[in-house]
Amino acid sequence: MARISFPGFDVHPDATDRPAVARRLQVAEHDAEIPVHDHRKGQLVLALHGAVSCEVANALWIVPPQCGVWIPGGMPHSNRATANARLCYLFVEPGVVELPPQCVTLSISPMLREMILQLADAPFDYPPDGHTGRLARVLLDELVRMPAERLYLPVSDHPKIQALAAALSTHPEDRGTITDWARRLALGERTLTRLIARETGLSFGRWRQQLHLLIAVRELAAGVPVQRVSERLGYESVTAFITMFKKALGLSPTRYFAARLQGQGDG
């Protein structure tokens, strides 16, 4: 039976047949990383504060405040949260509502957030026909209406793409060109260009920019100043970084996170 367990937190989401159950997690009180696991129930990882990254097959997902990443049941995944994160896990019984068959980041409305938090305070074995049972059904009806966001990075299991992703995740400030990276990976430039496009669906430049965006969201959600995030990503100026961020998410970093904290952001 699937189980998420570490000191102070022990959850068996598949031990109940209720349509939805939830639990809160204060990351500062526990390990910041949950290793690869899976469970029969689908899972929404909701970030109340801070951010969490979820790794699934061939993709990395970043969840900023007031968003959640949906992980279908049976899909192996791991989670890593910022030290200041407060999370809530929502587990959904397969087949009770029509949710995406693949991972996706969802923007969560204030009303849905409050319903999930109320469900998190209820026991897993709540009466199906009682108040909590009705709450769970309305909650799931709302969940399927939430809009998706593009806060993910496609990552292939190809060893060259894995090496590239690992290197740029460790040193995101590296501004090496596709020619530089082809030489480092012992590939021809055209070969690497085609490989990245085939394995990720993006050009090298777009793929690296998406990686920068995900790192930026994670760092900013953890409280790192915009200036420092800009420097860590190798931008020549804060203005250039803000321009990239605003082009991708529609708001400057300050306004984006202010909207998230107010529960009004729509990405």
C-alpha atoms as a PDB file:
ATOM      1  CA  MET A   1       0.000   0.000   0.000  1.00  0.00           C
ATOM      2  CA  ALA A   2       1.353   3.434  -0.986  1.00  0.00           C
ATOM      3  CA  ARG A   3       2.624   5.534   1.888  1.00  0.00           C
ATOM      4  CA  ILE A   4       4.291   8.933   2.367  1.00  0.00           C
ATOM      5  CA  SER A   5       6.172   8.718   5.635  1.00  0.00           C
ATOM      6  CA  PHE A   6       8.961  10.551   7.426  1.00  0.00           C
ATOM      7  CA  PRO A   7       9.381  11.848  10.993  1.00  0.00           C
ATOM      8  CA  GLY A   8       6.263  13.753  12.038  1.00  0.00           C
ATOM      9  CA  PHE A   9       4.344  13.057   8.816  1.00  0.00           C
ATOM     10  CA  ASP A  10       2.747   9.727   7.948  1.00  0.00           C
ATOM     11  CA  VAL A  11       0.039   9.531   5.279  1.00  0.00           C
ATOM     12  CA  HIS A  12      -1.531   6.499   3.580  1.00  0.00           C
ATOM     13  CA  PRO A  13      -3.564   8.108   0.762  1.00  0.00           C
ATOM     14  CA  ASP A  14      -4.617   4.772  -0.741  1.00  0.00           C
ATOM     15  CA  ALA A  15      -5.920   3.411   2.559  1.00  0.00           C
ATOM     16  CA  THR A  16      -9.286   5.107   1.987  1.00  0.00           C
ATOM     17  CA  ASP A  17     -11.792   5.021  -0.863  1.00  0.00           C
ATOM     18  CA  ARG A  18     -13.070   8.543  -0.170  1.00  0.00           C
ATOM     19  CA  PRO A  19     -13.172  10.637  -3.365  1.00  0.00           C
ATOM     20  CA  ALA A  20     -10.729  13.191  -1.948  1.00  0.00           C
ATOM     21  CA  VAL A  21      -8.596  13.552   1.186  1.00  0.00           C
ATOM     22  CA  ALA A  22      -6.001  16.174   2.114  1.00  0.00           C
ATOM     23  CA  ARG A  23      -3.186  16.890   4.565  1.00  0.00           C
ATOM     24  CA  ARG A  24      -1.027  19.933   5.363  1.00  0.00           C
ATOM     25  CA  LEU A  25       2.779  19.908   5.502  1.00  0.00           C
ATOM     26  CA  GLN A  26       5.048  22.514   7.103  1.00  0.00           C
ATOM     27  CA  VAL A  27       8.381  21.923   5.355  1.00  0.00           C
ATOM     28  CA  ALA A  28      10.494  23.600   8.052  1.00  0.00           C
ATOM     29  CA  GLU A  29       9.361  20.861  10.420  1.00  0.00           C
ATOM     30  CA  HIS A  30      10.259  17.995   8.060  1.00  0.00           C
ATOM     31  CA  ASP A  31      12.617  16.976   5.286  1.00  0.00           C
ATOM     32  CA  ALA A  32      12.533  19.348   2.316  1.00  0.00           C
ATOM     33  CA  GLU A  33      12.737  16.447  -0.142  1.00  0.00           C
ATOM     34  CA  ILE A  34      10.419  13.464  -0.618  1.00  0.00           C
ATOM     35  CA  PRO A  35      12.094  10.750  -2.721  1.00  0.00           C
ATOM     36  CA  VAL A  36      10.560   9.016  -5.731  1.00  0.00           C
ATOM     37  CA  HIS A  37       7.263   7.313  -4.918  1.00  0.00           C
ATOM     38  CA  ASP A  38       3.816   6.731  -6.404  1.00  0.00           C
ATOM     39  CA  HIS A  39       0.290   5.943  -5.242  1.00  0.00           C
ATOM     40  CA  ARG A  40      -3.004   4.849  -6.742  1.00  0.00           C
ATOM     41  CA  LYS A  41      -4.681   8.159  -6.024  1.00  0.00           C
ATOM     42  CA  GLY A  42      -3.882  11.240  -8.064  1.00  0.00           C
ATOM     43  CA  GLN A  43      -2.200  14.039  -6.121  1.00  0.00           C
ATOM     44  CA  LEU A  44      -2.382  17.826  -6.168  1.00  0.00           C
ATOM     45  CA  VAL A  45       0.643  19.418  -4.499  1.00  0.00           C
ATOM     46  CA  LEU A  46      -0.575  22.870  -3.425  1.00  0.00           C
ATOM     47  CA  ALA A  47       1.923  25.558  -2.421  1.00  0.00           C
ATOM     48  CA  LEU A  48       0.473  27.849   0.252  1.00  0.00           C
ATOM     49  CA  HIS A  49       3.781  29.656   0.805  1.00  0.00           C
ATOM     50  CA  GLY A  50       7.221  29.263  -0.721  1.00  0.00           C
ATOM     51  CA  ALA A  51       7.537  26.866  -3.661  1.00  0.00           C
ATOM     52  CA  VAL A  52       7.952  23.192  -4.459  1.00  0.00           C
ATOM     53  CA  SER A  53       9.467  21.428  -7.456  1.00  0.00           C
ATOM     54  CA  CYS A  54       8.140  18.076  -8.643  1.00  0.00           C
ATOM     55  CA  GLU A  55      10.112  15.738 -10.865  1.00  0.00           C
ATOM     56  CA  VAL A  56       8.265  13.236 -13.024  1.00  0.00           C
ATOM     57  CA  ALA A  57       9.318  11.290 -16.102  1.00  0.00           C
ATOM     58  CA  ASN A  58      10.943  13.673 -18.578  1.00  0.00           C
ATOM     59  CA  ALA A  59       9.806  16.892 -16.881  1.00  0.00           C
ATOM     60  CA  LEU A  60      10.425  19.235 -13.947  1.00  0.00           C
ATOM     61  CA  TRP A  61       7.501  21.218 -12.530  1.00  0.00           C
ATOM     62  CA  ILE A  62       7.690  24.302 -10.300  1.00  0.00           C
ATOM     63  CA  VAL A  63       4.751  25.225  -8.073  1.00  0.00           C
ATOM     64  CA  PRO A  64       4.671  28.877  -6.877  1.00  0.00           C
ATOM     65  CA  PRO A  65       2.303  30.155  -4.153  1.00  0.00           C
ATOM     66  CA  GLN A  66      -1.418  29.674  -4.856  1.00  0.00           C
ATOM     67  CA  CYS A  67      -0.710  27.090  -7.538  1.00  0.00           C
ATOM     68  CA  GLY A  68      -0.714  23.318  -7.509  1.00  0.00           C
ATOM     69  CA  VAL A  69       0.822  20.620  -9.652  1.00  0.00           C
ATOM     70  CA  TRP A  70      -1.517  17.766 -10.578  1.00  0.00           C
ATOM     71  CA  ILE A  71       0.147  14.319 -10.685  1.00  0.00           C
ATOM     72  CA  PRO A  72      -2.046  11.471 -12.016  1.00  0.00           C
ATOM     73  CA  GLY A  73      -2.281   8.288  -9.975  1.00  0.00           C
ATOM     74  CA  GLY A  74       0.388   5.655 -10.534  1.00  0.00           C
ATOM     75  CA  MET A  75       2.970   8.140 -11.837  1.00  0.00           C
ATOM     76  CA  PRO A  76       6.352   7.995 -10.020  1.00  0.00           C
ATOM     77  CA  HIS A  77       7.429  11.418  -8.784  1.00  0.00           C
ATOM     78  CA  SER A  78       9.563  13.217  -6.216  1.00  0.00           C
ATOM     79  CA  ASN A  79       9.046  16.575  -4.500  1.00  0.00           C
ATOM     80  CA  ARG A  80      11.543  19.141  -3.246  1.00  0.00           C
ATOM     81  CA  ALA A  81      10.359  22.261  -1.408  1.00  0.00           C
ATOM     82  CA  THR A  82      11.968  25.523  -0.426  1.00  0.00           C
ATOM     83  CA  ALA A  83      12.781  25.715   3.291  1.00  0.00           C
ATOM     84  CA  ASN A  84      10.027  28.295   3.875  1.00  0.00           C
ATOM     85  CA  ALA A  85       7.337  26.268   2.116  1.00  0.00           C
ATOM     86  CA  ARG A  86       3.924  25.434   3.506  1.00  0.00           C
ATOM     87  CA  LEU A  87       2.193  22.806   1.426  1.00  0.00           C
ATOM     88  CA  CYS A  88      -1.072  20.959   1.255  1.00  0.00           C
ATOM     89  CA  TYR A  89      -1.485  17.582  -0.418  1.00  0.00           C
ATOM     90  CA  LEU A  90      -4.837  16.717  -1.989  1.00  0.00           C
ATOM     91  CA  PHE A  91      -5.330  13.065  -2.990  1.00  0.00           C
ATOM     92  CA  VAL A  92      -8.075  12.216  -5.488  1.00  0.00           C
ATOM     93  CA  GLU A  93      -9.592   8.792  -6.117  1.00  0.00           C
ATOM     94  CA  PRO A  94      -9.121   7.761  -9.780  1.00  0.00           C
ATOM     95  CA  GLY A  95     -12.148   8.153 -12.013  1.00  0.00           C
ATOM     96  CA  VAL A  96     -14.341  10.307  -9.732  1.00  0.00           C
ATOM     97  CA  VAL A  97     -13.841  13.405 -11.917  1.00  0.00           C
ATOM     98  CA  GLU A  98     -12.187  14.038 -15.267  1.00  0.00           C
ATOM     99  CA  LEU A  99      -8.721  15.385 -14.494  1.00  0.00           C
ATOM    100  CA  PRO A 100      -5.746  15.538 -16.903  1.00  0.00           C
ATOM    101  CA  PRO A 101      -3.993  12.215 -17.613  1.00  0.00           C
ATOM    102  CA  GLN A 102      -0.638  14.038 -17.514  1.00  0.00           C
ATOM    103  CA  CYS A 103       1.080  16.378 -15.063  1.00  0.00           C
ATOM    104  CA  VAL A 104       0.033  20.011 -15.194  1.00  0.00           C
ATOM    105  CA  THR A 105       0.444  23.121 -13.045  1.00  0.00           C
ATOM    106  CA  LEU A 106      -2.925  24.613 -12.081  1.00  0.00           C
ATOM    107  CA  SER A 107      -3.761  28.074 -10.800  1.00  0.00           C
ATOM    108  CA  ILE A 108      -5.866  27.587  -7.658  1.00  0.00           C
ATOM    109  CA  SER A 109      -8.670  30.018  -6.819  1.00  0.00           C
ATOM    110  CA  PRO A 110      -9.006  31.409  -3.278  1.00  0.00           C
ATOM    111  CA  MET A 111     -12.315  29.561  -2.823  1.00  0.00           C
ATOM    112  CA  LEU A 112     -10.833  26.204  -3.870  1.00  0.00           C
ATOM    113  CA  ARG A 113      -7.796  26.787  -1.672  1.00  0.00           C
ATOM    114  CA  GLU A 114     -10.007  27.302   1.378  1.00  0.00           C
ATOM    115  CA  MET A 115     -12.025  24.178   0.609  1.00  0.00           C
ATOM    116  CA  ILE A 116      -8.822  22.114   0.332  1.00  0.00           C
ATOM    117  CA  LEU A 117      -7.599  23.497   3.667  1.00  0.00           C
ATOM    118  CA  GLN A 118     -10.917  22.635   5.317  1.00  0.00           C
ATOM    119  CA  LEU A 119     -10.717  19.109   3.938  1.00  0.00           C
ATOM    120  CA  ALA A 120      -7.156  18.835   5.299  1.00  0.00           C
ATOM    121  CA  ASP A 121      -8.561  19.252   8.818  1.00  0.00           C
ATOM    122  CA  ALA A 122     -11.015  16.371   8.347  1.00  0.00           C
ATOM    123  CA  PRO A 123     -10.254  12.693   9.062  1.00  0.00           C
ATOM    124  CA  PHE A 124      -9.592  10.382   6.107  1.00  0.00           C
ATOM    125  CA  ASP A 125     -12.608   8.245   7.044  1.00  0.00           C
ATOM    126  CA  TYR A 126     -15.182  11.061   7.002  1.00  0.00           C
ATOM    127  CA  PRO A 127     -18.814   9.988   6.361  1.00  0.00           C
ATOM    128  CA  PRO A 128     -19.364  10.042   2.577  1.00  0.00           C
ATOM    129  CA  ASP A 129     -22.885  11.498   2.911  1.00  0.00           C
ATOM    130  CA  GLY A 130     -22.032  14.072   5.602  1.00  0.00           C
ATOM    131  CA  HIS A 131     -20.883  17.690   5.346  1.00  0.00           C
ATOM    132  CA  THR A 132     -17.252  16.767   4.525  1.00  0.00           C
ATOM    133  CA  GLY A 133     -18.399  14.354   1.833  1.00  0.00           C
ATOM    134  CA  ARG A 134     -20.444  17.114   0.190  1.00  0.00           C
ATOM    135  CA  LEU A 135     -17.500  19.503   0.514  1.00  0.00           C
ATOM    136  CA  ALA A 136     -15.236  16.993  -1.243  1.00  0.00           C
ATOM    137  CA  ARG A 137     -17.646  16.649  -4.154  1.00  0.00           C
ATOM    138  CA  VAL A 138     -17.943  20.427  -4.659  1.00  0.00           C
ATOM    139  CA  LEU A 139     -14.167  20.765  -4.272  1.00  0.00           C
ATOM    140  CA  LEU A 140     -13.569  18.280  -7.084  1.00  0.00           C
ATOM    141  CA  ASP A 141     -16.112  20.029  -9.310  1.00  0.00           C
ATOM    142  CA  GLU A 142     -14.120  23.243  -8.838  1.00  0.00           C
ATOM    143  CA  LEU A 143     -10.746  21.559  -9.338  1.00  0.00           C
ATOM    144  CA  VAL A 144     -11.552  20.494 -12.909  1.00  0.00           C
ATOM    145  CA  ARG A 145     -12.288  24.151 -13.766  1.00  0.00           C
ATOM    146  CA  MET A 146      -8.873  25.513 -12.751  1.00  0.00           C
ATOM    147  CA  PRO A 147      -6.710  26.967 -15.569  1.00  0.00           C
ATOM    148  CA  ALA A 148      -3.307  25.493 -16.421  1.00  0.00           C
ATOM    149  CA  GLU A 149       0.020  27.336 -16.331  1.00  0.00           C
ATOM    150  CA  ARG A 150       3.239  26.648 -18.250  1.00  0.00           C
ATOM    151  CA  LEU A 151       5.586  26.280 -15.290  1.00  0.00           C
ATOM    152  CA  TYR A 152       7.418  23.154 -16.359  1.00  0.00           C
ATOM    153  CA  LEU A 153      10.635  22.168 -18.080  1.00  0.00           C
ATOM    154  CA  PRO A 154      10.679  19.236 -20.524  1.00  0.00           C
ATOM    155  CA  VAL A 155      13.658  17.002 -19.723  1.00  0.00           C
ATOM    156  CA  SER A 156      14.550  13.877 -21.670  1.00  0.00           C
ATOM    157  CA  ASP A 157      16.099  10.687 -20.342  1.00  0.00           C
ATOM    158  CA  HIS A 158      18.701  10.942 -23.119  1.00  0.00           C
ATOM    159  CA  PRO A 159      22.126  11.052 -21.381  1.00  0.00           C
ATOM    160  CA  LYS A 160      23.293  14.148 -23.283  1.00  0.00           C
ATOM    161  CA  ILE A 161      20.140  16.077 -22.380  1.00  0.00           C
ATOM    162  CA  GLN A 162      20.420  14.880 -18.781  1.00  0.00           C
ATOM    163  CA  ALA A 163      24.026  16.119 -18.660  1.00  0.00           C
ATOM    164  CA  LEU A 164      23.015  19.489 -20.113  1.00  0.00           C
ATOM    165  CA  ALA A 165      20.133  19.887 -17.660  1.00  0.00           C
ATOM    166  CA  ALA A 166      22.297  18.948 -14.676  1.00  0.00           C
ATOM    167  CA  ALA A 167      25.068  21.359 -15.671  1.00  0.00           C
ATOM    168  CA  LEU A 168      22.759  24.320 -16.286  1.00  0.00           C
ATOM    169  CA  SER A 169      20.732  23.624 -13.141  1.00  0.00           C
ATOM    170  CA  THR A 170      23.949  23.783 -11.119  1.00  0.00           C
ATOM    171  CA  HIS A 171      25.365  26.778 -12.998  1.00  0.00           C
ATOM    172  CA  PRO A 172      22.404  28.655 -14.510  1.00  0.00           C
ATOM    173  CA  GLU A 173      24.628  31.698 -14.980  1.00  0.00           C
ATOM    174  CA  ASP A 174      26.564  29.827 -17.707  1.00  0.00           C
ATOM    175  CA  ARG A 175      25.900  31.684 -20.965  1.00  0.00           C
ATOM    176  CA  GLY A 176      27.641  29.196 -23.226  1.00  0.00           C
ATOM    177  CA  THR A 177      26.302  29.088 -26.783  1.00  0.00           C
ATOM    178  CA  ILE A 178      24.961  26.002 -28.525  1.00  0.00           C
ATOM    179  CA  THR A 179      28.416  25.763 -30.147  1.00  0.00           C
ATOM    180  CA  ASP A 180      30.060  25.774 -26.703  1.00  0.00           C
ATOM    181  CA  TRP A 181      27.731  23.083 -25.383  1.00  0.00           C
ATOM    182  CA  ALA A 182      28.143  20.918 -28.461  1.00  0.00           C
ATOM    183  CA  ARG A 183      31.894  20.928 -27.867  1.00  0.00           C
ATOM    184  CA  ARG A 184      31.498  20.143 -24.150  1.00  0.00           C
ATOM    185  CA  LEU A 185      29.119  17.267 -24.899  1.00  0.00           C
ATOM    186  CA  ALA A 186      31.303  15.930 -27.732  1.00  0.00           C
ATOM    187  CA  LEU A 187      28.602  16.428 -30.350  1.00  0.00           C
ATOM    188  CA  GLY A 188      28.308  18.367 -33.568  1.00  0.00           C
ATOM    189  CA  GLU A 189      26.380  21.630 -33.279  1.00  0.00           C
ATOM    190  CA  ARG A 190      23.691  20.497 -35.722  1.00  0.00           C
ATOM    191  CA  THR A 191      23.412  17.152 -33.949  1.00  0.00           C
ATOM    192  CA  LEU A 192      22.881  18.821 -30.570  1.00  0.00           C
ATOM    193  CA  THR A 193      20.410  21.317 -32.035  1.00  0.00           C
ATOM    194  CA  ARG A 194      18.319  18.500 -33.519  1.00  0.00           C
ATOM    195  CA  LEU A 195      18.619  16.405 -30.342  1.00  0.00           C
ATOM    196  CA  ILE A 196      17.320  19.192 -28.089  1.00  0.00           C
ATOM    197  CA  ALA A 197      14.429  19.941 -30.444  1.00  0.00           C
ATOM    198  CA  ARG A 198      13.498  16.266 -30.744  1.00  0.00           C
ATOM    199  CA  GLU A 199      13.750  15.459 -27.020  1.00  0.00           C
ATOM    200  CA  THR A 200      12.214  18.640 -25.540  1.00  0.00           C
ATOM    201  CA  GLY A 201      10.189  20.235 -28.327  1.00  0.00           C
ATOM    202  CA  LEU A 202      12.070  23.510 -27.822  1.00  0.00           C
ATOM    203  CA  SER A 203      15.097  25.261 -29.257  1.00  0.00           C
ATOM    204  CA  PHE A 204      18.168  25.484 -27.032  1.00  0.00           C
ATOM    205  CA  GLY A 205      17.514  29.174 -26.321  1.00  0.00           C
ATOM    206  CA  ARG A 206      13.850  28.644 -25.416  1.00  0.00           C
ATOM    207  CA  TRP A 207      14.691  25.607 -23.284  1.00  0.00           C
ATOM    208  CA  ARG A 208      17.362  27.473 -21.299  1.00  0.00           C
ATOM    209  CA  GLN A 209      15.053  30.459 -20.823  1.00  0.00           C
ATOM    210  CA  GLN A 210      12.357  28.130 -19.458  1.00  0.00           C
ATOM    211  CA  LEU A 211      14.899  26.668 -17.038  1.00  0.00           C
ATOM    212  CA  HIS A 212      15.797  30.198 -15.928  1.00  0.00           C
ATOM    213  CA  LEU A 213      12.121  31.002 -15.411  1.00  0.00           C
ATOM    214  CA  LEU A 214      11.582  27.964 -13.191  1.00  0.00           C
ATOM    215  CA  ILE A 215      14.692  28.691 -11.140  1.00  0.00           C
ATOM    216  CA  ALA A 216      13.591  32.319 -10.800  1.00  0.00           C
ATOM    217  CA  VAL A 217      10.114  31.375  -9.573  1.00  0.00           C
ATOM    218  CA  ARG A 218      11.572  28.934  -7.034  1.00  0.00           C
ATOM    219  CA  GLU A 219      14.182  31.400  -5.726  1.00  0.00           C
ATOM    220  CA  LEU A 220      11.839  34.388  -5.579  1.00  0.00           C
ATOM    221  CA  ALA A 221       9.212  32.314  -3.756  1.00  0.00           C
ATOM    222  CA  ALA A 222      11.897  31.402  -1.215  1.00  0.00           C
ATOM    223  CA  GLY A 223      12.468  35.101  -0.510  1.00  0.00           C
ATOM    224  CA  VAL A 224      15.648  35.688  -2.541  1.00  0.00           C
ATOM    225  CA  PRO A 225      15.848  39.342  -3.748  1.00  0.00           C
ATOM    226  CA  VAL A 226      15.285  40.050  -7.443  1.00  0.00           C
ATOM    227  CA  GLN A 227      18.812  41.494  -7.798  1.00  0.00           C
ATOM    228  CA  ARG A 228      20.418  38.308  -6.517  1.00  0.00           C
ATOM    229  CA  VAL A 229      18.238  36.055  -8.661  1.00  0.00           C
ATOM    230  CA  SER A 230      19.127  38.126 -11.719  1.00  0.00           C
ATOM    231  CA  GLU A 231      22.837  37.786 -10.933  1.00  0.00           C
ATOM    232  CA  ARG A 232      22.573  34.045 -10.291  1.00  0.00           C
ATOM    233  CA  LEU A 233      20.984  33.544 -13.700  1.00  0.00           C
ATOM    234  CA  GLY A 234      23.717  35.525 -15.416  1.00  0.00           C
ATOM    235  CA  TYR A 235      21.632  38.463 -16.623  1.00  0.00           C
ATOM    236  CA  GLU A 236      23.570  41.624 -17.465  1.00  0.00           C
ATOM    237  CA  SER A 237      20.997  43.772 -15.684  1.00  0.00           C
ATOM    238  CA  VAL A 238      17.971  43.456 -13.444  1.00  0.00           C
ATOM    239  CA  THR A 239      15.955  45.143 -16.173  1.00  0.00           C
ATOM    240  CA  ALA A 240      16.787  42.370 -18.651  1.00  0.00           C
ATOM    241  CA  PHE A 241      15.748  39.736 -16.110  1.00  0.00           C
ATOM    242  CA  ILE A 242      12.458  41.493 -15.307  1.00  0.00           C
ATOM    243  CA  THR A 243      11.720  41.807 -19.032  1.00  0.00           C
ATOM    244  CA  MET A 244      12.167  38.024 -19.484  1.00  0.00           C
ATOM    245  CA  PHE A 245      10.003  37.265 -16.458  1.00  0.00           C
ATOM    246  CA  LYS A 246       7.231  39.647 -17.501  1.00  0.00           C
ATOM    247  CA  LYS A 247       7.208  38.344 -21.069  1.00  0.00           C
ATOM    248  CA  ALA A 248       6.813  34.765 -19.801  1.00  0.00           C
ATOM    249  CA  LEU A 249       4.296  35.290 -16.974  1.00  0.00           C
ATOM    250  CA  GLY A 250       2.636  38.598 -17.812  1.00  0.00           C
ATOM    251  CA  LEU A 251       3.739  40.453 -14.662  1.00  0.00           C
ATOM    252  CA  SER A 252       6.969  41.700 -13.130  1.00  0.00           C
ATOM    253  CA  PRO A 253       8.347  39.478 -10.317  1.00  0.00           C
ATOM    254  CA  THR A 254       7.137  41.883  -7.615  1.00  0.00           C
ATOM    255  CA  ARG A 255       3.612  42.127  -9.013  1.00  0.00           C
ATOM    256  CA  TYR A 256       3.443  38.422  -9.810  1.00  0.00           C
ATOM    257  CA  PHE A 257       4.163  37.350  -6.241  1.00  0.00           C
ATOM    258  CA  ALA A 258       2.061  40.145  -4.741  1.00  0.00           C
ATOM    259  CA  ALA A 259      -0.866  38.840  -6.791  1.00  0.00           C
ATOM    260  CA  ARG A 260      -0.126  35.274  -5.661  1.00  0.00           C
ATOM    261  CA  LEU A 261      -0.089  36.251  -2.007  1.00  0.00           C
ATOM    262  CA  GLN A 262      -3.413  38.026  -2.467  1.00  0.00           C
ATOM    263  CA  GLY A 263      -4.802  34.917  -4.144  1.00  0.00           C
ATOM    264  CA  GLN A 264      -5.623  36.902  -7.262  1.00  0.00           C
ATOM    265  CA  GLY A 265      -2.878  35.877  -9.698  1.00  0.00           C
ATOM    266  CA  ASP A 266      -3.859  34.123 -12.894  1.00  0.00           C
ATOM    267  CA  GLY A 267      -0.346  33.685 -14.304  1.00  0.00           C
END
